[in-house]
Amino acid sequence: MRRVITVLATVPLLLGLLGTGPAAAAVKIDYEVTGTDTIKKTGSALHLGPGRLNTELEASTGSITGTLSLPPVRTTFTALGFLPVAAKVEFLTVGQTTGKIVAGVVTSRSELRVRLSDVTVGGIPALVGDSCQSRTPMVVALTSEPGFNPIRGGKLSGTHELPPFGGCFLAEPLINLLVPGPDNVLSLELKRITG
């Protein structure tokens, strides 16, 4: 019931922003993005943001397109129960974020290539070079949580698989043993940027 009320309250505002004619222009909405990505195999959480998501929403179809950018983050975890590992993690966007609003529920899809650098194992730098990154893009599919409002923002979440890494020199076998895998949980909070 609460979701229905939220959707009904949003409709007049969306119509006012978008117009009602077939040629109505898409509305541009920009969000600040923060969140966490919990990696199952390492048991660690990456604290993301603040980043930015610039979107365009089509009134007639509910389709969303956008550009997602996230700053690098530093991660640490313990491997094999005793070995401290640290790394800089970068998210390189591949193409646009796409999505749809259906019955008040937002779904989105983004592709991100994950790059690792400044890796240390047991406090000792690991030689990974400048091209240590996921061999294929990480596909992230998210669904809005109750209370999400496209005008204000809210939370989206979902699970994703972290692909194997390549270009990591001698550290590649260890990285692929410890990091890639399914069932990682990504939760993002979007807050509309105004002014």
Protein backbone atom coordinates (compact mmCIF):
# COMPACT_ATOMS: atom_id res chain seq x y z
CA MET A 1 0.00 0.00 0.00
CA ARG A 2 2.83 2.37 0.87
CA ARG A 3 4.43 1.75 -2.55
CA VAL A 4 1.13 2.55 -4.31
CA ILE A 5 0.83 5.83 -2.39
CA THR A 6 4.42 6.72 -3.30
CA VAL A 7 3.80 6.03 -6.98
CA LEU A 8 0.55 8.02 -7.04
CA ALA A 9 2.22 10.94 -5.32
CA THR A 10 5.04 10.87 -7.85
CA VAL A 11 2.90 10.78 -11.00
CA PRO A 12 1.75 14.44 -10.97
CA LEU A 13 5.30 15.62 -10.34
CA LEU A 14 6.70 13.49 -13.15
CA LEU A 15 4.00 14.71 -15.53
CA GLY A 16 4.80 18.26 -14.61
CA LEU A 17 8.49 17.74 -15.27
CA LEU A 18 8.12 15.69 -18.41
CA GLY A 19 5.04 17.08 -20.09
CA THR A 20 2.26 14.92 -21.51
CA GLY A 21 2.70 15.23 -25.27
CA PRO A 22 4.32 12.55 -27.41
CA ALA A 23 7.27 14.85 -28.12
CA ALA A 24 7.97 15.60 -24.46
CA ALA A 25 11.68 15.77 -23.80
CA ALA A 26 13.37 13.36 -21.41
CA VAL A 27 13.92 14.72 -17.93
CA LYS A 28 17.46 14.81 -16.63
CA ILE A 29 17.99 13.77 -13.01
CA ASP A 30 21.43 13.57 -11.39
CA TYR A 31 22.14 11.59 -8.24
CA GLU A 32 24.92 11.31 -5.71
CA VAL A 33 25.78 7.63 -5.27
CA THR A 34 27.07 5.91 -2.13
CA GLY A 35 26.91 2.30 -1.02
CA THR A 36 28.68 -0.94 -0.25
CA ASP A 37 29.77 -3.95 -2.27
CA THR A 38 30.18 -7.02 -0.05
CA ILE A 39 32.53 -9.57 -1.63
CA LYS A 40 31.56 -13.08 -0.58
CA LYS A 41 34.91 -14.84 -0.99
CA THR A 42 36.93 -12.25 0.93
CA GLY A 43 34.23 -11.43 3.47
CA SER A 44 35.03 -7.76 3.01
CA ALA A 45 32.90 -4.73 2.16
CA LEU A 46 33.94 -2.03 -0.27
CA HIS A 47 32.58 1.36 0.81
CA LEU A 48 31.66 3.13 -2.41
CA GLY A 49 31.38 6.79 -3.25
CA PRO A 50 30.42 9.40 -3.21
CA GLY A 51 30.05 8.93 -6.94
CA ARG A 52 27.57 10.24 -9.48
CA LEU A 53 24.81 8.90 -11.72
CA ASN A 54 23.56 11.25 -14.45
CA THR A 55 20.29 9.96 -15.90
CA GLU A 56 17.62 10.73 -18.47
CA LEU A 57 14.08 9.41 -17.97
CA GLU A 58 11.66 9.00 -20.87
CA ALA A 59 8.09 9.75 -19.78
CA SER A 60 6.31 7.70 -22.43
CA THR A 61 8.23 4.46 -21.89
CA GLY A 62 9.70 4.68 -18.39
CA SER A 63 13.12 3.94 -19.90
CA ILE A 64 16.23 5.22 -18.13
CA THR A 65 19.71 5.78 -19.52
CA GLY A 66 22.62 7.18 -17.58
CA THR A 67 26.31 7.46 -16.90
CA LEU A 68 27.69 6.05 -13.66
CA SER A 69 31.00 7.13 -12.16
CA LEU A 70 32.53 5.84 -8.92
CA PRO A 71 35.80 6.94 -7.30
CA PRO A 72 38.57 4.43 -6.49
CA VAL A 73 38.38 2.72 -3.11
CA ARG A 74 40.92 1.01 -0.85
CA THR A 75 40.07 -2.48 0.38
CA THR A 76 41.64 -4.74 2.98
CA PHE A 77 40.86 -8.33 3.94
CA THR A 78 42.48 -11.36 5.51
CA ALA A 79 43.34 -14.25 3.17
CA LEU A 80 43.62 -17.87 4.29
CA GLY A 81 42.69 -16.80 7.79
CA PHE A 82 45.95 -15.01 8.59
CA LEU A 83 47.40 -13.11 5.60
CA PRO A 84 46.50 -9.39 5.32
CA VAL A 85 45.81 -8.24 1.76
CA ALA A 86 45.21 -4.65 0.63
CA ALA A 87 44.51 -3.15 -2.79
CA LYS A 88 43.24 -0.10 -4.62
CA VAL A 89 40.05 -0.90 -6.56
CA GLU A 90 38.83 1.11 -9.54
CA PHE A 91 35.50 0.73 -11.36
CA LEU A 92 35.72 1.51 -15.08
CA THR A 93 32.31 1.97 -16.69
CA VAL A 94 31.59 0.13 -19.94
CA GLY A 95 28.81 1.82 -21.89
CA GLN A 96 25.77 3.36 -20.28
CA THR A 97 23.63 2.36 -17.35
CA THR A 98 20.18 1.36 -18.59
CA GLY A 99 16.94 0.74 -16.74
CA LYS A 100 13.18 0.95 -16.57
CA ILE A 101 10.42 2.04 -14.22
CA VAL A 102 7.49 -0.39 -14.16
CA ALA A 103 4.68 -0.06 -11.61
CA GLY A 104 6.91 2.10 -9.43
CA VAL A 105 9.78 -0.40 -9.38
CA VAL A 106 13.12 0.63 -10.90
CA THR A 107 15.45 -1.94 -12.44
CA SER A 108 18.89 -1.03 -13.76
CA ARG A 109 21.85 -2.67 -15.47
CA SER A 110 25.45 -1.45 -15.52
CA GLU A 111 28.70 -2.97 -16.74
CA LEU A 112 31.92 -2.19 -14.88
CA ARG A 113 35.44 -3.44 -15.42
CA VAL A 114 37.26 -3.81 -12.10
CA ARG A 115 40.93 -2.79 -11.95
CA LEU A 116 43.34 -3.61 -9.10
CA SER A 117 46.55 -1.74 -8.24
CA ASP A 118 48.80 -1.00 -5.26
CA VAL A 119 48.30 -4.58 -4.05
CA THR A 120 50.13 -5.71 -0.92
CA VAL A 121 50.17 -9.20 0.57
CA GLY A 122 51.40 -9.49 4.13
CA GLY A 123 52.59 -5.88 3.85
CA ILE A 124 54.80 -6.73 0.85
CA PRO A 125 54.00 -5.07 -2.51
CA ALA A 126 52.75 -7.55 -5.12
CA LEU A 127 53.78 -6.95 -8.72
CA VAL A 128 50.50 -6.59 -10.63
CA GLY A 129 51.38 -3.96 -13.23
CA ASP A 130 49.03 -1.37 -14.72
CA SER A 131 46.60 -3.76 -16.45
CA CYS A 132 45.39 -6.02 -13.65
CA GLN A 133 41.64 -6.00 -14.25
CA SER A 134 38.63 -8.25 -14.70
CA ARG A 135 38.84 -10.10 -17.98
CA THR A 136 35.21 -9.27 -18.73
CA PRO A 137 33.00 -6.50 -17.37
CA MET A 138 31.18 -7.09 -14.10
CA VAL A 139 27.44 -7.02 -14.85
CA VAL A 140 25.42 -5.33 -12.11
CA ALA A 141 21.62 -5.67 -12.14
CA LEU A 142 19.85 -3.76 -9.37
CA THR A 143 16.24 -3.39 -8.22
CA SER A 144 14.83 -0.53 -6.19
CA GLU A 145 13.87 -1.17 -2.58
CA PRO A 146 10.52 -0.06 -1.07
CA GLY A 147 10.31 3.72 -0.73
CA PHE A 148 12.44 4.49 -3.80
CA ASN A 149 11.25 7.64 -5.56
CA PRO A 150 12.84 8.66 -8.90
CA ILE A 151 12.48 12.32 -8.01
CA ARG A 152 14.26 12.03 -4.65
CA GLY A 153 16.21 8.78 -4.93
CA GLY A 154 16.47 5.88 -2.52
CA LYS A 155 18.09 2.44 -2.33
CA LEU A 156 18.76 -0.16 -5.01
CA SER A 157 20.32 -3.56 -4.41
CA GLY A 158 21.20 -6.83 -6.07
CA THR A 159 23.77 -9.59 -6.36
CA HIS A 160 26.48 -9.91 -8.97
CA GLU A 161 29.38 -12.10 -10.04
CA LEU A 162 32.96 -10.84 -9.97
CA PRO A 163 34.75 -12.19 -13.07
CA PRO A 164 38.30 -13.64 -13.09
CA PHE A 165 41.20 -11.20 -13.43
CA GLY A 166 43.89 -11.00 -16.10
CA GLY A 167 47.08 -9.04 -16.70
CA CYS A 168 48.17 -9.32 -13.06
CA PHE A 169 51.61 -10.93 -13.61
CA LEU A 170 52.73 -13.40 -10.94
CA ALA A 171 49.97 -12.32 -8.54
CA GLU A 172 47.23 -13.42 -10.95
CA PRO A 173 46.77 -17.01 -9.64
CA LEU A 174 46.51 -15.76 -6.05
CA ILE A 175 44.05 -13.00 -6.97
CA ASN A 176 41.86 -15.43 -8.90
CA LEU A 177 41.95 -17.87 -6.00
CA LEU A 178 40.87 -15.28 -3.45
CA VAL A 179 38.57 -12.76 -5.14
CA PRO A 180 36.33 -13.73 -8.13
CA GLY A 181 33.03 -15.50 -7.68
CA PRO A 182 29.22 -15.15 -7.49
CA ASP A 183 26.77 -13.95 -4.85
CA ASN A 184 28.42 -10.63 -4.06
CA VAL A 185 25.89 -8.14 -2.66
CA LEU A 186 25.79 -4.56 -3.95
CA SER A 187 23.67 -1.91 -2.26
CA LEU A 188 23.54 1.65 -3.55
CA GLU A 189 21.85 4.75 -2.19
CA LEU A 190 20.90 7.48 -4.66
CA LYS A 191 20.28 11.03 -3.52
CA ARG A 192 19.10 13.58 -6.05
CA ILE A 193 21.48 16.47 -6.67
CA THR A 194 19.64 19.79 -6.82
CA GLY A 195 20.89 23.24 -7.65
